[in-house]
Amino acid sequence: MYRQLIIFTDLDGTLLDHHSYSYAAALPMLEKLQEHHISVIPNTSKTFAEVQQLRNELALQTPFVVENGAAIYIPDGFFDQPPADCELKNGYWRKAFSRERNYWLELITANSKDLDGAFKGFSKMSDEELSLATGLSTIDASQANDRQFSEPLHWLGTEQQKTLFSNRMKSAGANVLQGGRFLHISGQSNKGIALRWLTQEFSRQNTNTQFKSVALGDSFNDNDMLESADIAVQIKTSKHDFPKLFRTDAIWQSTKMGPKGWAECLDQILTQELQI
């Protein structure tokens, strides 16, 4: 049976530099992966519009996961057969794991009446405010706010208020994830669920191939993905120590940050797993 890797990657702070959003240091490795027909799957908190732009820049033709696992988009024709339990929308097969954004906006309002000023959601921020909060251009900030399934919050209050609010939202059925910059509110979906589903679909569509999943991420909201993959890669960051994982096997930790660390670990993994 043919052996192949699937690369699931976070973007900000991993494939992209945390400050500049540059992917230049990862380009030689991306070319090598493409040469060996290894799929690179963005698995990110970013929106459909944001990932579309990046895929166009990098000439990626692969599926991708948006809004912390809320939905998977698979280009029509990527697989020989239509993927299971998906709907075809604008040239993509979409598998959604979360309710839509408006539901979470109403839930946030209902559970934060005594927390005025403790946070500001993307839906309440102008493109200019988002640009200042993220370091993105106003055009890119607008794409970041084009969300379908979730609401990121710029937390301004205390940690005690954050814990209170998070517990309320979890009790109401929401998933609360602390990302690199923002607190993300969505349904009971995560990057790990999306990774497992898509890996299974790769296997279902390619019965003569044994796939091994590799997940790369730098932040706490990547843990579900890292726990679910066959190989977990933690990318070094200046913001915090490597997040604690429950697993104890097949964990790689980069010595470099961002896309340099991304390329560093993948180079070693390709040598070990595929001898390339």
C-alpha atoms as a PDB file:
ATOM      1  CA  MET A   1       0.000   0.000   0.000  1.00  0.00           C
ATOM      2  CA  TYR A   2       1.227   3.485  -0.891  1.00  0.00           C
ATOM      3  CA  ARG A   3       2.151   5.700   2.097  1.00  0.00           C
ATOM      4  CA  GLN A   4       1.491   9.423   2.079  1.00  0.00           C
ATOM      5  CA  LEU A   5       1.374  12.362   4.482  1.00  0.00           C
ATOM      6  CA  ILE A   6      -1.339  15.012   4.827  1.00  0.00           C
ATOM      7  CA  ILE A   7      -0.198  18.323   6.300  1.00  0.00           C
ATOM      8  CA  PHE A   8      -2.763  20.219   8.408  1.00  0.00           C
ATOM      9  CA  THR A   9      -1.432  23.638   9.298  1.00  0.00           C
ATOM     10  CA  ASP A  10      -2.440  26.593  11.387  1.00  0.00           C
ATOM     11  CA  LEU A  11      -1.673  29.915   9.700  1.00  0.00           C
ATOM     12  CA  ASP A  12      -0.971  32.864  12.051  1.00  0.00           C
ATOM     13  CA  GLY A  13       2.256  32.222  13.947  1.00  0.00           C
ATOM     14  CA  THR A  14       2.821  28.952  12.118  1.00  0.00           C
ATOM     15  CA  LEU A  15       2.848  29.061   8.307  1.00  0.00           C
ATOM     16  CA  LEU A  16       2.624  32.860   8.585  1.00  0.00           C
ATOM     17  CA  ASP A  17       4.878  35.061  10.712  1.00  0.00           C
ATOM     18  CA  HIS A  18       2.964  36.320  13.748  1.00  0.00           C
ATOM     19  CA  HIS A  19       3.903  39.975  13.166  1.00  0.00           C
ATOM     20  CA  SER A  20       4.418  40.403   9.421  1.00  0.00           C
ATOM     21  CA  TYR A  21       2.118  37.602   8.159  1.00  0.00           C
ATOM     22  CA  SER A  22       4.927  36.648   5.756  1.00  0.00           C
ATOM     23  CA  TYR A  23       5.228  33.050   4.491  1.00  0.00           C
ATOM     24  CA  ALA A  24       8.495  33.605   2.597  1.00  0.00           C
ATOM     25  CA  ALA A  25      10.531  31.261   4.804  1.00  0.00           C
ATOM     26  CA  ALA A  26       8.089  28.424   4.088  1.00  0.00           C
ATOM     27  CA  LEU A  27       8.103  28.704   0.281  1.00  0.00           C
ATOM     28  CA  PRO A  28      10.928  26.195  -0.453  1.00  0.00           C
ATOM     29  CA  MET A  29       9.208  23.591   1.731  1.00  0.00           C
ATOM     30  CA  LEU A  30       5.823  24.288   0.136  1.00  0.00           C
ATOM     31  CA  GLU A  31       7.411  23.680  -3.281  1.00  0.00           C
ATOM     32  CA  LYS A  32       8.916  20.417  -2.038  1.00  0.00           C
ATOM     33  CA  LEU A  33       5.568  19.229  -0.682  1.00  0.00           C
ATOM     34  CA  GLN A  34       3.870  20.060  -3.960  1.00  0.00           C
ATOM     35  CA  GLU A  35       6.591  18.213  -5.874  1.00  0.00           C
ATOM     36  CA  HIS A  36       5.841  15.083  -3.839  1.00  0.00           C
ATOM     37  CA  HIS A  37       2.029  15.498  -4.108  1.00  0.00           C
ATOM     38  CA  ILE A  38       1.618  16.041  -0.369  1.00  0.00           C
ATOM     39  CA  SER A  39      -1.551  17.996   0.405  1.00  0.00           C
ATOM     40  CA  VAL A  40      -1.208  21.091   2.584  1.00  0.00           C
ATOM     41  CA  ILE A  41      -4.514  21.783   4.356  1.00  0.00           C
ATOM     42  CA  PRO A  42      -4.906  25.187   6.046  1.00  0.00           C
ATOM     43  CA  ASN A  43      -6.720  24.557   9.362  1.00  0.00           C
ATOM     44  CA  THR A  44      -7.235  27.982  10.824  1.00  0.00           C
ATOM     45  CA  SER A  45      -9.375  30.487  12.695  1.00  0.00           C
ATOM     46  CA  LYS A  46      -9.371  32.590   9.526  1.00  0.00           C
ATOM     47  CA  THR A  47     -12.425  33.028   7.298  1.00  0.00           C
ATOM     48  CA  PHE A  48     -13.257  31.581   3.897  1.00  0.00           C
ATOM     49  CA  ALA A  49     -12.365  34.897   2.242  1.00  0.00           C
ATOM     50  CA  GLU A  50      -8.992  35.112   4.003  1.00  0.00           C
ATOM     51  CA  VAL A  51      -7.992  31.556   3.164  1.00  0.00           C
ATOM     52  CA  GLN A  52      -9.124  31.954  -0.439  1.00  0.00           C
ATOM     53  CA  GLN A  53      -6.750  34.879  -0.876  1.00  0.00           C
ATOM     54  CA  LEU A  54      -3.833  32.983   0.667  1.00  0.00           C
ATOM     55  CA  ARG A  55      -4.547  29.856  -1.405  1.00  0.00           C
ATOM     56  CA  ASN A  56      -4.460  31.961  -4.550  1.00  0.00           C
ATOM     57  CA  GLU A  57      -1.108  33.479  -3.540  1.00  0.00           C
ATOM     58  CA  LEU A  58       0.397  30.061  -2.777  1.00  0.00           C
ATOM     59  CA  ALA A  59      -1.321  28.251  -5.678  1.00  0.00           C
ATOM     60  CA  LEU A  60      -2.856  25.722  -3.272  1.00  0.00           C
ATOM     61  CA  GLN A  61      -5.565  23.536  -4.798  1.00  0.00           C
ATOM     62  CA  THR A  62      -6.303  21.573  -1.637  1.00  0.00           C
ATOM     63  CA  PRO A  63      -9.233  21.549   0.825  1.00  0.00           C
ATOM     64  CA  PHE A  64      -9.144  23.908   3.794  1.00  0.00           C
ATOM     65  CA  VAL A  65     -10.732  24.347   7.218  1.00  0.00           C
ATOM     66  CA  VAL A  66     -12.028  27.710   8.447  1.00  0.00           C
ATOM     67  CA  GLU A  67     -13.068  29.384  11.691  1.00  0.00           C
ATOM     68  CA  ASN A  68     -11.421  26.914  14.078  1.00  0.00           C
ATOM     69  CA  GLY A  69     -12.957  23.826  12.527  1.00  0.00           C
ATOM     70  CA  ALA A  70     -16.439  25.229  11.918  1.00  0.00           C
ATOM     71  CA  ALA A  71     -16.446  24.131   8.266  1.00  0.00           C
ATOM     72  CA  ILE A  72     -14.382  22.269   5.682  1.00  0.00           C
ATOM     73  CA  TYR A  73     -14.283  23.392   2.046  1.00  0.00           C
ATOM     74  CA  ILE A  74     -13.263  20.864  -0.601  1.00  0.00           C
ATOM     75  CA  PRO A  75     -12.792  22.083  -4.200  1.00  0.00           C
ATOM     76  CA  ASP A  76     -15.222  20.385  -6.550  1.00  0.00           C
ATOM     77  CA  GLY A  77     -13.241  17.754  -8.452  1.00  0.00           C
ATOM     78  CA  PHE A  78     -10.481  17.404  -5.864  1.00  0.00           C
ATOM     79  CA  PHE A  79     -11.734  13.895  -5.101  1.00  0.00           C
ATOM     80  CA  ASP A  80     -12.923  11.470  -7.772  1.00  0.00           C
ATOM     81  CA  GLN A  81     -16.251  11.081  -5.982  1.00  0.00           C
ATOM     82  CA  PRO A  82     -18.375  13.707  -4.198  1.00  0.00           C
ATOM     83  CA  PRO A  83     -17.344  13.770  -0.523  1.00  0.00           C
ATOM     84  CA  ALA A  84     -19.761  12.288   1.987  1.00  0.00           C
ATOM     85  CA  ASP A  85     -22.416  14.404   3.735  1.00  0.00           C
ATOM     86  CA  CYS A  86     -21.480  17.707   2.065  1.00  0.00           C
ATOM     87  CA  GLU A  87     -23.362  20.396   0.156  1.00  0.00           C
ATOM     88  CA  LEU A  88     -22.050  21.938  -3.066  1.00  0.00           C
ATOM     89  CA  LYS A  89     -21.737  25.732  -2.788  1.00  0.00           C
ATOM     90  CA  ASN A  90     -19.970  27.987  -5.302  1.00  0.00           C
ATOM     91  CA  GLY A  91     -17.540  25.370  -6.533  1.00  0.00           C
ATOM     92  CA  TYR A  92     -16.805  23.806  -3.122  1.00  0.00           C
ATOM     93  CA  TRP A  93     -18.182  20.876  -1.220  1.00  0.00           C
ATOM     94  CA  ARG A  94     -18.874  22.228   2.270  1.00  0.00           C
ATOM     95  CA  LYS A  95     -19.068  20.227   5.465  1.00  0.00           C
ATOM     96  CA  ALA A  96     -20.327  22.446   8.318  1.00  0.00           C
ATOM     97  CA  PHE A  97     -19.895  21.510  11.977  1.00  0.00           C
ATOM     98  CA  SER A  98     -21.321  24.665  13.605  1.00  0.00           C
ATOM     99  CA  ARG A  99     -24.449  26.806  13.653  1.00  0.00           C
ATOM    100  CA  GLU A 100     -24.208  30.150  11.884  1.00  0.00           C
ATOM    101  CA  ARG A 101     -22.780  33.373  13.291  1.00  0.00           C
ATOM    102  CA  ASN A 102     -26.057  35.141  14.139  1.00  0.00           C
ATOM    103  CA  TYR A 103     -26.952  32.397  16.598  1.00  0.00           C
ATOM    104  CA  TRP A 104     -23.712  32.965  18.529  1.00  0.00           C
ATOM    105  CA  LEU A 105     -24.109  36.754  18.431  1.00  0.00           C
ATOM    106  CA  GLU A 106     -27.506  36.457  20.138  1.00  0.00           C
ATOM    107  CA  LEU A 107     -26.074  34.051  22.713  1.00  0.00           C
ATOM    108  CA  ILE A 108     -23.157  36.405  23.458  1.00  0.00           C
ATOM    109  CA  THR A 109     -25.566  39.306  24.038  1.00  0.00           C
ATOM    110  CA  ALA A 110     -27.772  37.222  26.342  1.00  0.00           C
ATOM    111  CA  ASN A 111     -24.830  36.151  28.501  1.00  0.00           C
ATOM    112  CA  SER A 112     -22.920  39.423  28.840  1.00  0.00           C
ATOM    113  CA  LYS A 113     -25.440  41.988  30.052  1.00  0.00           C
ATOM    114  CA  ASP A 114     -23.387  42.654  33.206  1.00  0.00           C
ATOM    115  CA  LEU A 115     -20.043  42.731  31.345  1.00  0.00           C
ATOM    116  CA  ASP A 116     -20.343  46.025  29.531  1.00  0.00           C
ATOM    117  CA  GLY A 117     -16.949  47.126  28.227  1.00  0.00           C
ATOM    118  CA  ALA A 118     -15.245  43.800  28.988  1.00  0.00           C
ATOM    119  CA  PHE A 119     -14.880  42.898  25.314  1.00  0.00           C
ATOM    120  CA  LYS A 120     -15.624  44.003  21.786  1.00  0.00           C
ATOM    121  CA  GLY A 121     -16.652  41.529  19.121  1.00  0.00           C
ATOM    122  CA  PHE A 122     -15.575  41.676  15.500  1.00  0.00           C
ATOM    123  CA  SER A 123     -19.179  42.361  14.498  1.00  0.00           C
ATOM    124  CA  LYS A 124     -19.068  45.632  16.507  1.00  0.00           C
ATOM    125  CA  MET A 125     -15.694  46.783  15.168  1.00  0.00           C
ATOM    126  CA  SER A 126     -15.003  48.904  12.102  1.00  0.00           C
ATOM    127  CA  ASP A 127     -12.449  47.844   9.527  1.00  0.00           C
ATOM    128  CA  GLU A 128     -10.129  50.499  10.937  1.00  0.00           C
ATOM    129  CA  GLU A 129     -10.492  49.168  14.504  1.00  0.00           C
ATOM    130  CA  LEU A 130      -9.882  45.613  13.299  1.00  0.00           C
ATOM    131  CA  SER A 131      -6.834  46.776  11.399  1.00  0.00           C
ATOM    132  CA  LEU A 132      -5.363  48.273  14.578  1.00  0.00           C
ATOM    133  CA  ALA A 133      -6.181  45.150  16.624  1.00  0.00           C
ATOM    134  CA  THR A 134      -4.772  42.666  14.117  1.00  0.00           C
ATOM    135  CA  GLY A 135      -2.072  44.518  12.184  1.00  0.00           C
ATOM    136  CA  LEU A 136      -3.927  43.727   8.962  1.00  0.00           C
ATOM    137  CA  SER A 137      -4.711  46.221   6.230  1.00  0.00           C
ATOM    138  CA  THR A 138      -8.280  47.523   6.273  1.00  0.00           C
ATOM    139  CA  ILE A 139      -9.088  45.364   3.236  1.00  0.00           C
ATOM    140  CA  ASP A 140      -7.711  42.252   4.927  1.00  0.00           C
ATOM    141  CA  ALA A 141      -9.460  43.209   8.166  1.00  0.00           C
ATOM    142  CA  SER A 142     -12.758  43.320   6.280  1.00  0.00           C
ATOM    143  CA  GLN A 143     -12.116  39.766   5.067  1.00  0.00           C
ATOM    144  CA  ALA A 144     -11.350  38.706   8.643  1.00  0.00           C
ATOM    145  CA  ASN A 145     -14.787  39.977   9.656  1.00  0.00           C
ATOM    146  CA  ASP A 146     -16.568  38.097   6.868  1.00  0.00           C
ATOM    147  CA  ARG A 147     -17.403  35.238   9.221  1.00  0.00           C
ATOM    148  CA  GLN A 148     -20.074  32.596   8.761  1.00  0.00           C
ATOM    149  CA  PHE A 149     -19.951  30.443  11.879  1.00  0.00           C
ATOM    150  CA  SER A 150     -18.192  32.226  14.737  1.00  0.00           C
ATOM    151  CA  GLU A 151     -17.452  35.485  16.537  1.00  0.00           C
ATOM    152  CA  PRO A 152     -13.974  36.483  17.782  1.00  0.00           C
ATOM    153  CA  LEU A 153     -13.862  38.804  20.787  1.00  0.00           C
ATOM    154  CA  HIS A 154     -11.146  41.330  21.586  1.00  0.00           C
ATOM    155  CA  TRP A 155     -11.010  40.907  25.367  1.00  0.00           C
ATOM    156  CA  LEU A 156     -10.602  44.137  27.314  1.00  0.00           C
ATOM    157  CA  GLY A 157     -11.708  43.066  30.794  1.00  0.00           C
ATOM    158  CA  THR A 158     -10.135  41.043  33.563  1.00  0.00           C
ATOM    159  CA  GLU A 159      -9.248  37.365  33.570  1.00  0.00           C
ATOM    160  CA  GLN A 160     -11.947  36.848  36.196  1.00  0.00           C
ATOM    161  CA  GLN A 161     -14.548  38.352  33.870  1.00  0.00           C
ATOM    162  CA  LYS A 162     -13.267  36.208  31.010  1.00  0.00           C
ATOM    163  CA  THR A 163     -13.623  33.053  33.109  1.00  0.00           C
ATOM    164  CA  LEU A 164     -17.153  34.044  34.168  1.00  0.00           C
ATOM    165  CA  PHE A 165     -18.208  34.769  30.601  1.00  0.00           C
ATOM    166  CA  SER A 166     -16.539  31.637  29.208  1.00  0.00           C
ATOM    167  CA  ASN A 167     -18.304  29.411  31.733  1.00  0.00           C
ATOM    168  CA  ARG A 168     -21.672  30.952  30.880  1.00  0.00           C
ATOM    169  CA  MET A 169     -21.135  30.450  27.159  1.00  0.00           C
ATOM    170  CA  LYS A 170     -20.002  26.848  27.629  1.00  0.00           C
ATOM    171  CA  SER A 171     -23.075  26.146  29.756  1.00  0.00           C
ATOM    172  CA  ALA A 172     -25.211  27.567  26.931  1.00  0.00           C
ATOM    173  CA  GLY A 173     -23.640  25.137  24.449  1.00  0.00           C
ATOM    174  CA  ALA A 174     -20.906  27.280  22.884  1.00  0.00           C
ATOM    175  CA  ASN A 175     -17.311  26.326  22.282  1.00  0.00           C
ATOM    176  CA  VAL A 176     -14.910  28.941  23.717  1.00  0.00           C
ATOM    177  CA  LEU A 177     -11.359  28.951  22.379  1.00  0.00           C
ATOM    178  CA  GLN A 178      -8.496  31.277  23.266  1.00  0.00           C
ATOM    179  CA  GLY A 179      -6.520  31.970  20.111  1.00  0.00           C
ATOM    180  CA  GLY A 180      -3.298  33.838  19.611  1.00  0.00           C
ATOM    181  CA  ARG A 181      -5.052  37.214  19.779  1.00  0.00           C
ATOM    182  CA  PHE A 182      -8.780  36.736  20.342  1.00  0.00           C
ATOM    183  CA  LEU A 183     -11.371  34.712  22.244  1.00  0.00           C
ATOM    184  CA  HIS A 184     -13.380  32.718  19.686  1.00  0.00           C
ATOM    185  CA  ILE A 185     -17.040  31.775  20.188  1.00  0.00           C
ATOM    186  CA  SER A 186     -18.600  29.083  17.996  1.00  0.00           C
ATOM    187  CA  GLY A 187     -20.348  25.720  18.112  1.00  0.00           C
ATOM    188  CA  GLN A 188     -19.041  22.393  19.349  1.00  0.00           C
ATOM    189  CA  SER A 189     -16.560  22.177  16.526  1.00  0.00           C
ATOM    190  CA  ASN A 190     -12.795  22.331  16.566  1.00  0.00           C
ATOM    191  CA  LYS A 191      -9.756  21.828  14.388  1.00  0.00           C
ATOM    192  CA  GLY A 192      -9.328  18.248  15.588  1.00  0.00           C
ATOM    193  CA  ILE A 193     -12.828  17.142  14.566  1.00  0.00           C
ATOM    194  CA  ALA A 194     -12.256  18.647  11.128  1.00  0.00           C
ATOM    195  CA  LEU A 195      -8.846  16.959  10.805  1.00  0.00           C
ATOM    196  CA  ARG A 196     -10.263  13.531  11.663  1.00  0.00           C
ATOM    197  CA  TRP A 197     -13.206  13.887   9.288  1.00  0.00           C
ATOM    198  CA  LEU A 198     -11.079  15.030   6.365  1.00  0.00           C
ATOM    199  CA  THR A 199      -8.386  12.385   6.951  1.00  0.00           C
ATOM    200  CA  GLN A 200     -11.091   9.722   6.885  1.00  0.00           C
ATOM    201  CA  GLU A 201     -12.436  11.176   3.629  1.00  0.00           C
ATOM    202  CA  PHE A 202      -8.965  11.038   2.064  1.00  0.00           C
ATOM    203  CA  SER A 203      -8.791   7.351   3.028  1.00  0.00           C
ATOM    204  CA  ARG A 204     -12.298   6.648   1.729  1.00  0.00           C
ATOM    205  CA  GLN A 205     -11.480   8.248  -1.606  1.00  0.00           C
ATOM    206  CA  ASN A 206      -8.024   6.608  -1.940  1.00  0.00           C
ATOM    207  CA  THR A 207      -8.313   3.000  -0.803  1.00  0.00           C
ATOM    208  CA  ASN A 208      -4.813   2.084  -2.013  1.00  0.00           C
ATOM    209  CA  THR A 209      -3.106   4.767   0.124  1.00  0.00           C
ATOM    210  CA  GLN A 210      -2.263   4.758   3.822  1.00  0.00           C
ATOM    211  CA  PHE A 211      -2.405   8.341   5.048  1.00  0.00           C
ATOM    212  CA  LYS A 212      -0.599   9.754   8.062  1.00  0.00           C
ATOM    213  CA  SER A 213      -1.708  13.174   9.320  1.00  0.00           C
ATOM    214  CA  VAL A 214       0.757  15.852  10.453  1.00  0.00           C
ATOM    215  CA  ALA A 215      -0.584  18.875  12.339  1.00  0.00           C
ATOM    216  CA  LEU A 216       1.361  22.086  12.954  1.00  0.00           C
ATOM    217  CA  GLY A 217       0.312  24.894  15.293  1.00  0.00           C
ATOM    218  CA  ASP A 218       1.607  27.433  17.797  1.00  0.00           C
ATOM    219  CA  SER A 219      -1.294  28.280  20.070  1.00  0.00           C
ATOM    220  CA  PHE A 220      -3.761  26.796  22.554  1.00  0.00           C
ATOM    221  CA  ASN A 221      -6.569  26.682  19.989  1.00  0.00           C
ATOM    222  CA  ASP A 222      -4.426  24.267  17.960  1.00  0.00           C
ATOM    223  CA  ASN A 223      -4.359  21.643  20.716  1.00  0.00           C
ATOM    224  CA  ASP A 224      -7.410  19.710  19.464  1.00  0.00           C
ATOM    225  CA  MET A 225      -5.760  19.417  16.057  1.00  0.00           C
ATOM    226  CA  LEU A 226      -2.405  18.431  17.546  1.00  0.00           C
ATOM    227  CA  GLU A 227      -4.007  15.788  19.771  1.00  0.00           C
ATOM    228  CA  SER A 228      -5.907  14.311  16.803  1.00  0.00           C
ATOM    229  CA  ALA A 229      -3.034  14.027  14.304  1.00  0.00           C
ATOM    230  CA  ASP A 230      -0.673  11.093  13.923  1.00  0.00           C
ATOM    231  CA  ILE A 231       2.225  13.546  14.296  1.00  0.00           C
ATOM    232  CA  ALA A 232       1.960  16.773  16.313  1.00  0.00           C
ATOM    233  CA  VAL A 233       4.254  19.722  15.625  1.00  0.00           C
ATOM    234  CA  GLN A 234       4.365  22.636  18.051  1.00  0.00           C
ATOM    235  CA  ILE A 235       5.812  25.818  16.590  1.00  0.00           C
ATOM    236  CA  LYS A 236       7.827  28.002  18.929  1.00  0.00           C
ATOM    237  CA  THR A 237       6.408  31.434  19.761  1.00  0.00           C
ATOM    238  CA  SER A 238       7.639  34.387  21.796  1.00  0.00           C
ATOM    239  CA  LYS A 239       4.221  34.800  23.431  1.00  0.00           C
ATOM    240  CA  HIS A 240       4.111  31.703  25.633  1.00  0.00           C
ATOM    241  CA  ASP A 241       5.644  28.298  26.296  1.00  0.00           C
ATOM    242  CA  PHE A 242       4.578  25.296  24.247  1.00  0.00           C
ATOM    243  CA  PRO A 243       0.976  24.519  25.272  1.00  0.00           C
ATOM    244  CA  LYS A 244       0.638  21.345  27.330  1.00  0.00           C
ATOM    245  CA  LEU A 245      -0.622  18.303  25.391  1.00  0.00           C
ATOM    246  CA  PHE A 246      -2.178  15.136  26.817  1.00  0.00           C
ATOM    247  CA  ARG A 247      -0.378  12.966  24.290  1.00  0.00           C
ATOM    248  CA  THR A 248       3.223  11.973  24.942  1.00  0.00           C
ATOM    249  CA  ASP A 249       4.216  10.382  21.634  1.00  0.00           C
ATOM    250  CA  ALA A 250       5.067  11.691  18.149  1.00  0.00           C
ATOM    251  CA  ILE A 251       5.470  15.309  19.280  1.00  0.00           C
ATOM    252  CA  TRP A 252       7.904  17.628  17.523  1.00  0.00           C
ATOM    253  CA  GLN A 253       8.830  21.079  18.808  1.00  0.00           C
ATOM    254  CA  SER A 254      10.538  23.627  16.600  1.00  0.00           C
ATOM    255  CA  THR A 255      13.584  25.606  17.677  1.00  0.00           C
ATOM    256  CA  LYS A 256      12.676  28.421  15.269  1.00  0.00           C
ATOM    257  CA  MET A 257       9.526  30.527  15.178  1.00  0.00           C
ATOM    258  CA  GLY A 258       6.750  30.875  12.603  1.00  0.00           C
ATOM    259  CA  PRO A 259       7.373  29.702   9.039  1.00  0.00           C
ATOM    260  CA  LYS A 260      11.063  29.027   9.782  1.00  0.00           C
ATOM    261  CA  GLY A 261      10.051  26.555  12.479  1.00  0.00           C
ATOM    262  CA  TRP A 262       7.346  25.160  10.173  1.00  0.00           C
ATOM    263  CA  ALA A 263       9.903  24.352   7.481  1.00  0.00           C
ATOM    264  CA  GLU A 264      12.451  23.141  10.037  1.00  0.00           C
ATOM    265  CA  CYS A 265      10.190  20.424  11.464  1.00  0.00           C
ATOM    266  CA  LEU A 266       8.648  19.341   8.165  1.00  0.00           C
ATOM    267  CA  ASP A 267      12.103  18.849   6.679  1.00  0.00           C
ATOM    268  CA  GLN A 268      12.934  16.426   9.492  1.00  0.00           C
ATOM    269  CA  ILE A 269       9.559  14.663   9.288  1.00  0.00           C
ATOM    270  CA  LEU A 270       9.805  14.130   5.522  1.00  0.00           C
ATOM    271  CA  THR A 271      13.220  12.559   5.996  1.00  0.00           C
ATOM    272  CA  GLN A 272      12.015  10.283   8.775  1.00  0.00           C
ATOM    273  CA  GLU A 273       8.641   9.274   7.337  1.00  0.00           C
ATOM    274  CA  LEU A 274       9.194   9.201   3.568  1.00  0.00           C
ATOM    275  CA  GLN A 275      13.003   9.358   3.223  1.00  0.00           C
ATOM    276  CA  ILE A 276      12.781  12.473   1.027  1.00  0.00           C
END
